Amino acid sequence: MKWLEKIIDKLIAVLPATSVIGPNEMGVRVTCGKIKKTLGPGFYVYWPLMQDIESMEVINQVVDLPPQTAQTKDGHDVVVSGALLYNITDINKALFEIYDLDKALVVVAQGSVLNFVASRTLDELKQSDEVRTELRREVASDASGWGVKIKRAFTTEFAKVKSYRIYGQTTTLPLENENG
């Protein structure tokens, strides 16, 4: 009976298959390893032996930026976390120019936050509008070839902390007062 299952599987592989791209998605038909056509929402038939249909959501999406500690230009330890609001503008680039878009956006944003914090004093960082504007601009610049538009950047947490490095891991404690 195993031989019959194998024959049926081989026959199914050469028959046309179907794919549905939802109203919040776009897709790409790949034929023999080459991008052939950008697809909007709808019902599609393709030949699995030679073709594949890749799709992803293109509507507004949010990616969380986990908390990270950084040191300001004047030597204060702070913790910063946030989020990015983005949408896909070019499905081909978003699918084929970057491996894991959300992860890449997080890494790029965290690097931008670290550089921004290190180049400012604590007093300068308290102007949160500038932090969000600069973060959005930096990430948008770094992700320019990925087919995304960074619409907004948010800071969800910004606090002065005391960091202690113990055996290669950083521990942060919130300060009870400014003189801490």
N, C-alpha and C. Protein backbone atom coordinates (compact mmCIF):
# COMPACT_ATOMS: atom_id res chain seq x y z
N MET A 1 0.80 -1.21 0.00
CA MET A 1 0.00 0.00 0.00
C MET A 1 0.84 1.26 0.00
N LYS A 2 2.06 1.20 0.54
CA LYS A 2 2.94 2.37 0.54
C LYS A 2 3.24 2.81 -0.88
N TRP A 3 3.41 1.85 -1.79
CA TRP A 3 3.72 2.19 -3.18
C TRP A 3 2.57 2.96 -3.82
N LEU A 4 1.33 2.63 -3.44
CA LEU A 4 0.17 3.31 -3.99
C LEU A 4 0.11 4.76 -3.48
N GLU A 5 0.41 4.94 -2.20
CA GLU A 5 0.45 6.30 -1.63
C GLU A 5 1.50 7.15 -2.33
N LYS A 6 2.66 6.57 -2.64
CA LYS A 6 3.72 7.30 -3.33
C LYS A 6 3.27 7.72 -4.73
N ILE A 7 2.61 6.82 -5.43
CA ILE A 7 2.12 7.14 -6.77
C ILE A 7 1.09 8.26 -6.72
N ILE A 8 0.18 8.19 -5.77
CA ILE A 8 -0.85 9.22 -5.63
C ILE A 8 -0.21 10.57 -5.29
N ASP A 9 0.78 10.57 -4.39
CA ASP A 9 1.49 11.81 -4.05
C ASP A 9 2.17 12.41 -5.27
N LYS A 10 2.80 11.58 -6.10
CA LYS A 10 3.47 12.07 -7.31
C LYS A 10 2.45 12.65 -8.29
N LEU A 11 1.30 12.01 -8.43
CA LEU A 11 0.26 12.52 -9.33
C LEU A 11 -0.29 13.86 -8.83
N ILE A 12 -0.49 13.97 -7.54
CA ILE A 12 -1.01 15.22 -6.96
C ILE A 12 -0.01 16.36 -7.17
N ALA A 13 1.29 16.04 -7.13
CA ALA A 13 2.32 17.07 -7.28
C ALA A 13 2.32 17.70 -8.67
N VAL A 14 1.83 16.99 -9.68
CA VAL A 14 1.82 17.56 -11.04
C VAL A 14 0.48 18.17 -11.40
N LEU A 15 -0.52 18.00 -10.57
CA LEU A 15 -1.83 18.62 -10.81
C LEU A 15 -1.82 20.06 -10.33
N PRO A 16 -2.64 20.89 -10.93
CA PRO A 16 -2.70 22.28 -10.47
C PRO A 16 -3.15 22.37 -9.01
N ALA A 17 -2.61 23.38 -8.31
CA ALA A 17 -2.99 23.65 -6.93
C ALA A 17 -3.61 25.04 -6.88
N THR A 18 -4.22 25.36 -5.76
CA THR A 18 -4.84 26.67 -5.62
C THR A 18 -4.27 27.40 -4.41
N SER A 19 -4.36 28.72 -4.47
CA SER A 19 -3.93 29.56 -3.38
C SER A 19 -4.87 30.76 -3.31
N VAL A 20 -5.20 31.17 -2.10
CA VAL A 20 -6.04 32.34 -1.92
C VAL A 20 -5.22 33.40 -1.19
N ILE A 21 -5.19 34.58 -1.77
CA ILE A 21 -4.51 35.71 -1.15
C ILE A 21 -5.61 36.60 -0.58
N GLY A 22 -5.57 36.82 0.73
CA GLY A 22 -6.61 37.56 1.44
C GLY A 22 -6.61 39.05 1.12
N PRO A 23 -7.64 39.75 1.55
CA PRO A 23 -7.77 41.18 1.25
C PRO A 23 -6.71 42.05 1.93
N ASN A 24 -6.03 41.54 2.94
CA ASN A 24 -4.98 42.30 3.63
C ASN A 24 -3.58 41.84 3.20
N GLU A 25 -3.50 41.08 2.11
CA GLU A 25 -2.23 40.51 1.67
C GLU A 25 -1.92 40.88 0.22
N MET A 26 -0.68 40.66 -0.15
CA MET A 26 -0.24 40.66 -1.54
C MET A 26 0.65 39.44 -1.70
N GLY A 27 0.88 39.04 -2.93
CA GLY A 27 1.69 37.86 -3.15
C GLY A 27 2.53 37.99 -4.40
N VAL A 28 3.34 36.95 -4.62
CA VAL A 28 4.22 36.88 -5.78
C VAL A 28 4.16 35.46 -6.30
N ARG A 29 3.98 35.33 -7.61
CA ARG A 29 4.06 34.01 -8.25
C ARG A 29 5.52 33.81 -8.68
N VAL A 30 6.13 32.73 -8.21
CA VAL A 30 7.50 32.38 -8.56
C VAL A 30 7.44 31.17 -9.48
N THR A 31 8.00 31.31 -10.68
CA THR A 31 7.99 30.23 -11.66
C THR A 31 9.44 29.86 -11.98
N CYS A 32 9.76 28.60 -11.75
CA CYS A 32 11.11 28.09 -11.99
C CYS A 32 12.17 28.95 -11.31
N GLY A 33 11.87 29.40 -10.12
CA GLY A 33 12.83 30.16 -9.32
C GLY A 33 12.92 31.64 -9.65
N LYS A 34 12.08 32.14 -10.54
CA LYS A 34 12.11 33.55 -10.91
C LYS A 34 10.76 34.20 -10.61
N ILE A 35 10.83 35.44 -10.13
CA ILE A 35 9.60 36.18 -9.83
C ILE A 35 8.92 36.50 -11.16
N LYS A 36 7.70 36.05 -11.30
CA LYS A 36 6.99 36.26 -12.56
C LYS A 36 5.90 37.32 -12.47
N LYS A 37 5.21 37.38 -11.34
CA LYS A 37 4.08 38.28 -11.29
C LYS A 37 3.74 38.64 -9.84
N THR A 38 3.45 39.92 -9.62
CA THR A 38 2.94 40.38 -8.33
C THR A 38 1.44 40.17 -8.32
N LEU A 39 0.93 39.63 -7.23
CA LEU A 39 -0.49 39.26 -7.14
C LEU A 39 -1.19 40.03 -6.04
N GLY A 40 -2.37 40.51 -6.34
CA GLY A 40 -3.22 41.15 -5.35
C GLY A 40 -4.16 40.12 -4.73
N PRO A 41 -5.09 40.57 -3.90
CA PRO A 41 -6.05 39.64 -3.30
C PRO A 41 -6.82 38.88 -4.37
N GLY A 42 -7.05 37.59 -4.10
CA GLY A 42 -7.81 36.79 -5.06
C GLY A 42 -7.50 35.31 -4.96
N PHE A 43 -8.07 34.56 -5.91
CA PHE A 43 -7.95 33.11 -6.00
C PHE A 43 -7.02 32.80 -7.18
N TYR A 44 -6.01 31.96 -6.96
CA TYR A 44 -5.02 31.69 -8.00
C TYR A 44 -4.80 30.18 -8.14
N VAL A 45 -4.56 29.77 -9.39
CA VAL A 45 -4.21 28.40 -9.70
C VAL A 45 -2.75 28.41 -10.14
N TYR A 46 -1.99 27.43 -9.66
CA TYR A 46 -0.58 27.34 -10.04
C TYR A 46 -0.16 25.88 -10.13
N TRP A 47 0.96 25.65 -10.79
CA TRP A 47 1.50 24.30 -10.97
C TRP A 47 2.63 24.07 -9.97
N PRO A 48 2.39 23.29 -8.91
CA PRO A 48 3.37 23.12 -7.84
C PRO A 48 4.73 22.56 -8.29
N LEU A 49 4.75 21.84 -9.38
CA LEU A 49 6.00 21.27 -9.85
C LEU A 49 6.97 22.37 -10.30
N MET A 50 6.43 23.49 -10.83
CA MET A 50 7.27 24.57 -11.36
C MET A 50 7.02 25.91 -10.69
N GLN A 51 5.92 26.03 -9.96
CA GLN A 51 5.55 27.33 -9.43
C GLN A 51 5.28 27.28 -7.93
N ASP A 52 5.36 28.47 -7.35
CA ASP A 52 5.00 28.64 -5.94
C ASP A 52 4.40 30.03 -5.80
N ILE A 53 3.53 30.19 -4.84
CA ILE A 53 2.97 31.51 -4.54
C ILE A 53 3.33 31.85 -3.12
N GLU A 54 4.07 32.97 -2.96
CA GLU A 54 4.45 33.49 -1.65
C GLU A 54 3.58 34.69 -1.37
N SER A 55 3.08 34.82 -0.14
CA SER A 55 2.26 35.99 0.19
C SER A 55 2.58 36.45 1.61
N MET A 56 2.20 37.70 1.88
CA MET A 56 2.36 38.24 3.23
C MET A 56 1.40 39.41 3.41
N GLU A 57 1.12 39.73 4.67
CA GLU A 57 0.24 40.85 4.99
C GLU A 57 0.93 42.16 4.66
N VAL A 58 0.18 43.09 4.07
CA VAL A 58 0.76 44.37 3.69
C VAL A 58 0.13 45.55 4.43
N ILE A 59 -0.81 45.27 5.31
CA ILE A 59 -1.47 46.33 6.08
C ILE A 59 -0.57 46.80 7.21
N ASN A 60 -0.98 47.85 7.92
CA ASN A 60 -0.19 48.36 9.04
C ASN A 60 0.12 47.25 10.04
N GLN A 61 1.38 47.21 10.47
CA GLN A 61 1.83 46.21 11.43
C GLN A 61 2.69 46.90 12.49
N VAL A 62 2.72 46.31 13.66
CA VAL A 62 3.51 46.85 14.76
C VAL A 62 4.51 45.79 15.20
N VAL A 63 5.75 46.23 15.40
CA VAL A 63 6.77 45.35 15.94
C VAL A 63 7.27 45.97 17.24
N ASP A 64 7.33 45.15 18.29
CA ASP A 64 7.80 45.62 19.61
C ASP A 64 9.32 45.63 19.66
N LEU A 65 9.85 46.66 20.30
CA LEU A 65 11.27 46.74 20.55
C LEU A 65 11.49 46.43 22.03
N PRO A 66 12.14 45.32 22.35
CA PRO A 66 12.31 44.95 23.75
C PRO A 66 13.18 45.94 24.50
N PRO A 67 13.06 45.97 25.81
CA PRO A 67 13.88 46.90 26.61
C PRO A 67 15.37 46.63 26.41
N GLN A 68 16.12 47.71 26.34
CA GLN A 68 17.57 47.58 26.28
C GLN A 68 18.20 48.69 27.11
N THR A 69 19.32 48.37 27.71
CA THR A 69 20.02 49.38 28.50
C THR A 69 21.06 50.05 27.62
N ALA A 70 21.28 51.31 27.91
CA ALA A 70 22.28 52.09 27.17
C ALA A 70 22.84 53.14 28.11
N GLN A 71 23.97 53.71 27.71
CA GLN A 71 24.57 54.76 28.52
C GLN A 71 24.58 56.06 27.71
N THR A 72 24.12 57.13 28.36
CA THR A 72 24.07 58.44 27.71
C THR A 72 25.46 59.03 27.57
N LYS A 73 25.54 60.11 26.82
CA LYS A 73 26.79 60.81 26.59
C LYS A 73 27.41 61.29 27.90
N ASP A 74 26.55 61.65 28.88
CA ASP A 74 27.05 62.13 30.17
C ASP A 74 27.13 61.03 31.24
N GLY A 75 27.08 59.75 30.81
CA GLY A 75 27.36 58.63 31.71
C GLY A 75 26.19 58.07 32.50
N HIS A 76 24.96 58.43 32.20
CA HIS A 76 23.80 57.87 32.90
C HIS A 76 23.32 56.59 32.20
N ASP A 77 22.98 55.59 33.01
CA ASP A 77 22.41 54.36 32.47
C ASP A 77 20.90 54.54 32.34
N VAL A 78 20.36 54.15 31.16
CA VAL A 78 18.92 54.25 30.94
C VAL A 78 18.44 52.95 30.30
N VAL A 79 17.16 52.69 30.44
CA VAL A 79 16.52 51.59 29.73
C VAL A 79 15.49 52.20 28.78
N VAL A 80 15.48 51.68 27.56
CA VAL A 80 14.58 52.19 26.53
C VAL A 80 13.91 51.01 25.83
N SER A 81 12.61 51.10 25.65
CA SER A 81 11.89 50.13 24.82
C SER A 81 10.91 50.91 23.97
N GLY A 82 10.37 50.25 22.97
CA GLY A 82 9.46 50.96 22.08
C GLY A 82 8.77 50.05 21.10
N ALA A 83 8.29 50.67 20.03
CA ALA A 83 7.59 49.93 18.98
C ALA A 83 7.70 50.72 17.68
N LEU A 84 7.54 50.00 16.57
CA LEU A 84 7.52 50.61 15.25
C LEU A 84 6.20 50.27 14.56
N LEU A 85 5.61 51.23 13.90
CA LEU A 85 4.42 51.02 13.07
C LEU A 85 4.89 51.11 11.62
N TYR A 86 4.62 50.07 10.84
CA TYR A 86 5.06 50.06 9.44
C TYR A 86 4.06 49.34 8.56
N ASN A 87 4.22 49.51 7.26
CA ASN A 87 3.45 48.71 6.31
C ASN A 87 4.34 48.36 5.13
N ILE A 88 3.94 47.35 4.39
CA ILE A 88 4.69 46.88 3.23
C ILE A 88 4.31 47.76 2.03
N THR A 89 5.32 48.27 1.34
CA THR A 89 5.08 49.08 0.14
C THR A 89 5.51 48.36 -1.13
N ASP A 90 6.44 47.40 -1.02
CA ASP A 90 6.91 46.64 -2.18
C ASP A 90 7.04 45.18 -1.76
N ILE A 91 6.06 44.37 -2.18
CA ILE A 91 6.00 42.97 -1.76
C ILE A 91 7.22 42.19 -2.23
N ASN A 92 7.74 42.48 -3.41
CA ASN A 92 8.91 41.75 -3.91
C ASN A 92 10.12 41.96 -3.01
N LYS A 93 10.38 43.21 -2.63
CA LYS A 93 11.51 43.50 -1.75
C LYS A 93 11.30 42.92 -0.36
N ALA A 94 10.08 43.05 0.17
CA ALA A 94 9.80 42.55 1.52
C ALA A 94 9.97 41.04 1.61
N LEU A 95 9.65 40.34 0.54
CA LEU A 95 9.79 38.88 0.54
C LEU A 95 11.20 38.40 0.20
N PHE A 96 11.90 39.13 -0.70
CA PHE A 96 13.13 38.57 -1.25
C PHE A 96 14.40 39.38 -1.00
N GLU A 97 14.31 40.53 -0.35
CA GLU A 97 15.51 41.32 -0.06
C GLU A 97 15.97 41.20 1.39
N ILE A 98 15.13 40.69 2.26
CA ILE A 98 15.48 40.55 3.68
C ILE A 98 14.87 39.25 4.18
N TYR A 99 15.62 38.54 5.03
CA TYR A 99 15.15 37.21 5.46
C TYR A 99 13.97 37.27 6.42
N ASP A 100 14.12 37.88 7.55
CA ASP A 100 13.06 37.95 8.56
C ASP A 100 12.81 39.43 8.85
N LEU A 101 11.82 40.00 8.19
CA LEU A 101 11.60 41.44 8.22
C LEU A 101 11.41 41.98 9.63
N ASP A 102 10.52 41.37 10.41
CA ASP A 102 10.28 41.86 11.77
C ASP A 102 11.55 41.83 12.62
N LYS A 103 12.27 40.73 12.56
CA LYS A 103 13.51 40.62 13.35
C LYS A 103 14.54 41.65 12.89
N ALA A 104 14.65 41.84 11.58
CA ALA A 104 15.60 42.82 11.06
C ALA A 104 15.23 44.23 11.51
N LEU A 105 13.94 44.55 11.51
CA LEU A 105 13.51 45.88 11.96
C LEU A 105 13.84 46.09 13.43
N VAL A 106 13.66 45.06 14.25
CA VAL A 106 13.98 45.16 15.68
C VAL A 106 15.47 45.41 15.87
N VAL A 107 16.31 44.65 15.19
CA VAL A 107 17.76 44.77 15.36
C VAL A 107 18.23 46.16 14.90
N VAL A 108 17.74 46.61 13.75
CA VAL A 108 18.13 47.92 13.23
C VAL A 108 17.66 49.02 14.19
N ALA A 109 16.43 48.91 14.69
CA ALA A 109 15.90 49.92 15.61
C ALA A 109 16.69 49.93 16.91
N GLN A 110 17.04 48.77 17.43
CA GLN A 110 17.80 48.74 18.68
C GLN A 110 19.18 49.37 18.49
N GLY A 111 19.80 49.13 17.35
CA GLY A 111 21.09 49.78 17.07
C GLY A 111 20.93 51.29 16.97
N SER A 112 19.85 51.74 16.34
CA SER A 112 19.59 53.18 16.23
C SER A 112 19.35 53.80 17.60
N VAL A 113 18.61 53.11 18.45
CA VAL A 113 18.35 53.61 19.81
C VAL A 113 19.66 53.72 20.58
N LEU A 114 20.47 52.69 20.50
CA LEU A 114 21.76 52.70 21.21
C LEU A 114 22.65 53.86 20.75
N ASN A 115 22.75 54.05 19.45
CA ASN A 115 23.56 55.16 18.92
C ASN A 115 22.98 56.52 19.33
N PHE A 116 21.67 56.64 19.29
CA PHE A 116 21.03 57.90 19.63
C PHE A 116 21.26 58.25 21.10
N VAL A 117 21.05 57.27 21.98
CA VAL A 117 21.23 57.49 23.42
C VAL A 117 22.68 57.84 23.72
N ALA A 118 23.63 57.14 23.11
CA ALA A 118 25.04 57.38 23.38
C ALA A 118 25.51 58.76 22.91
N SER A 119 24.77 59.37 21.99
CA SER A 119 25.20 60.67 21.46
C SER A 119 24.47 61.85 22.12
N ARG A 120 23.64 61.58 23.15
CA ARG A 120 22.87 62.63 23.81
C ARG A 120 23.06 62.56 25.32
N THR A 121 22.85 63.71 25.97
CA THR A 121 22.85 63.73 27.44
C THR A 121 21.46 63.32 27.92
N LEU A 122 21.37 63.04 29.21
CA LEU A 122 20.09 62.65 29.79
C LEU A 122 19.05 63.75 29.61
N ASP A 123 19.44 65.00 29.81
CA ASP A 123 18.49 66.11 29.63
C ASP A 123 18.00 66.20 28.19
N GLU A 124 18.88 65.98 27.24
CA GLU A 124 18.47 66.02 25.83
C GLU A 124 17.50 64.89 25.51
N LEU A 125 17.68 63.74 26.14
CA LEU A 125 16.82 62.59 25.88
C LEU A 125 15.42 62.76 26.45
N LYS A 126 15.27 63.61 27.41
CA LYS A 126 13.95 63.83 28.01
C LYS A 126 13.00 64.51 27.03
N GLN A 127 13.51 65.04 25.93
CA GLN A 127 12.66 65.61 24.87
C GLN A 127 12.23 64.45 23.97
N SER A 128 11.19 63.72 24.40
CA SER A 128 10.81 62.45 23.78
C SER A 128 10.38 62.57 22.32
N ASP A 129 9.86 63.72 21.89
CA ASP A 129 9.47 63.87 20.49
C ASP A 129 10.68 63.70 19.57
N GLU A 130 11.81 64.25 19.97
CA GLU A 130 13.03 64.14 19.15
C GLU A 130 13.48 62.68 19.09
N VAL A 131 13.38 61.95 20.18
CA VAL A 131 13.77 60.54 20.21
C VAL A 131 12.95 59.76 19.19
N ARG A 132 11.64 59.92 19.21
CA ARG A 132 10.76 59.18 18.29
C ARG A 132 11.02 59.57 16.83
N THR A 133 11.19 60.86 16.59
CA THR A 133 11.42 61.34 15.23
C THR A 133 12.74 60.80 14.68
N GLU A 134 13.78 60.88 15.48
CA GLU A 134 15.10 60.41 15.06
C GLU A 134 15.10 58.90 14.85
N LEU A 135 14.45 58.16 15.75
CA LEU A 135 14.37 56.71 15.62
C LEU A 135 13.66 56.33 14.33
N ARG A 136 12.53 56.95 14.04
CA ARG A 136 11.79 56.66 12.81
C ARG A 136 12.65 56.95 11.58
N ARG A 137 13.33 58.09 11.60
CA ARG A 137 14.17 58.48 10.46
C ARG A 137 15.32 57.49 10.25
N GLU A 138 15.99 57.13 11.33
CA GLU A 138 17.13 56.21 11.25
C GLU A 138 16.71 54.83 10.74
N VAL A 139 15.64 54.29 11.31
CA VAL A 139 15.19 52.95 10.89
C VAL A 139 14.70 53.00 9.45
N ALA A 140 13.98 54.04 9.08
CA ALA A 140 13.50 54.17 7.70
C ALA A 140 14.68 54.21 6.73
N SER A 141 15.74 54.89 7.11
CA SER A 141 16.92 54.97 6.26
C SER A 141 17.58 53.59 6.11
N ASP A 142 17.75 52.90 7.22
CA ASP A 142 18.40 51.57 7.19
C ASP A 142 17.56 50.53 6.45
N ALA A 143 16.24 50.65 6.51
CA ALA A 143 15.34 49.66 5.90
C ALA A 143 14.83 50.11 4.53
N SER A 144 15.46 51.10 3.94
CA SER A 144 14.94 51.70 2.70
C SER A 144 14.84 50.70 1.54
N GLY A 145 15.68 49.72 1.48
CA GLY A 145 15.63 48.75 0.38
C GLY A 145 14.81 47.51 0.68
N TRP A 146 14.06 47.52 1.76
CA TRP A 146 13.33 46.32 2.18
C TRP A 146 11.85 46.34 1.81
N GLY A 147 11.39 47.37 1.13
CA GLY A 147 9.99 47.42 0.72
C GLY A 147 9.02 47.76 1.84
N VAL A 148 9.49 48.51 2.83
CA VAL A 148 8.62 48.90 3.95
C VAL A 148 8.63 50.41 4.11
N LYS A 149 7.57 50.91 4.70
CA LYS A 149 7.50 52.32 5.08
C LYS A 149 7.33 52.37 6.59
N ILE A 150 8.28 52.99 7.27
CA ILE A 150 8.18 53.16 8.72
C ILE A 150 7.31 54.39 8.96
N LYS A 151 6.13 54.17 9.51
CA LYS A 151 5.18 55.27 9.67
C LYS A 151 5.38 56.03 10.98
N ARG A 152 5.64 55.27 12.04
CA ARG A 152 5.84 55.92 13.35
C ARG A 152 6.77 55.07 14.20
N ALA A 153 7.43 55.74 15.12
CA ALA A 153 8.24 55.06 16.14
C ALA A 153 7.74 55.54 17.50
N PHE A 154 7.64 54.62 18.43
CA PHE A 154 7.13 54.93 19.76
C PHE A 154 8.18 54.56 20.79
N THR A 155 8.27 55.33 21.85
CA THR A 155 9.01 54.89 23.02
C THR A 155 7.97 54.49 24.05
N THR A 156 8.04 53.25 24.49
CA THR A 156 7.06 52.76 25.47
C THR A 156 7.62 52.78 26.88
N GLU A 157 8.94 52.86 26.98
CA GLU A 157 9.57 52.93 28.29
C GLU A 157 10.88 53.70 28.15
N PHE A 158 11.09 54.63 29.06
CA PHE A 158 12.35 55.36 29.13
C PHE A 158 12.57 55.67 30.60
N ALA A 159 13.61 55.11 31.18
CA ALA A 159 13.85 55.32 32.61
C ALA A 159 15.35 55.28 32.90
N LYS A 160 15.72 56.05 33.88
CA LYS A 160 17.09 56.02 34.37
C LYS A 160 17.20 54.80 35.29
N VAL A 161 18.26 54.02 35.09
CA VAL A 161 18.45 52.79 35.87
C VAL A 161 19.91 52.69 36.28
N LYS A 162 20.19 51.74 37.11
CA LYS A 162 21.57 51.41 37.46
C LYS A 162 21.84 50.01 36.93
N SER A 163 22.87 49.87 36.11
CA SER A 163 23.19 48.57 35.51
C SER A 163 24.37 47.93 36.21
N TYR A 164 24.28 46.64 36.42
CA TYR A 164 25.37 45.85 36.98
C TYR A 164 25.62 44.67 36.06
N ARG A 165 26.86 44.47 35.67
CA ARG A 165 27.19 43.34 34.81
C ARG A 165 27.74 42.23 35.70
N ILE A 166 27.02 41.09 35.67
CA ILE A 166 27.40 39.95 36.49
C ILE A 166 27.55 38.75 35.58
N TYR A 167 28.76 38.23 35.44
CA TYR A 167 29.04 37.06 34.62
C TYR A 167 28.46 37.17 33.22
N GLY A 168 28.70 38.30 32.58
CA GLY A 168 28.30 38.46 31.19
C GLY A 168 26.86 38.86 30.95
N GLN A 169 26.05 38.95 32.01
CA GLN A 169 24.67 39.38 31.85
C GLN A 169 24.48 40.71 32.56
N THR A 170 23.65 41.55 31.97
CA THR A 170 23.41 42.85 32.57
C THR A 170 22.14 42.80 33.39
N THR A 171 22.21 43.30 34.61
CA THR A 171 21.05 43.42 35.47
C THR A 171 20.79 44.90 35.68
N THR A 172 19.54 45.31 35.49
CA THR A 172 19.21 46.72 35.68
C THR A 172 18.23 46.86 36.82
N LEU A 173 18.43 47.87 37.61
CA LEU A 173 17.53 48.18 38.72
C LEU A 173 17.07 49.61 38.58
N PRO A 174 15.77 49.88 38.71
CA PRO A 174 15.31 51.28 38.65
C PRO A 174 15.84 52.05 39.84
N LEU A 175 16.15 53.28 39.60
CA LEU A 175 16.62 54.15 40.69
C LEU A 175 15.42 54.70 41.45
N GLU A 176 15.54 54.74 42.76
CA GLU A 176 14.42 55.24 43.57
C GLU A 176 14.32 56.75 43.53
N ASN A 177 15.44 57.41 43.36
CA ASN A 177 15.42 58.86 43.21
C ASN A 177 16.55 59.27 42.28
N GLU A 178 16.56 60.52 41.90
CA GLU A 178 17.52 61.03 40.92
C GLU A 178 18.97 60.89 41.40
N ASN A 179 19.21 60.94 42.71
CA ASN A 179 20.58 60.87 43.25
C ASN A 179 21.03 59.44 43.48
N GLY A 180 20.08 58.49 43.47
CA GLY A 180 20.20 57.09 43.62
C GLY A 180 21.44 56.52 44.05
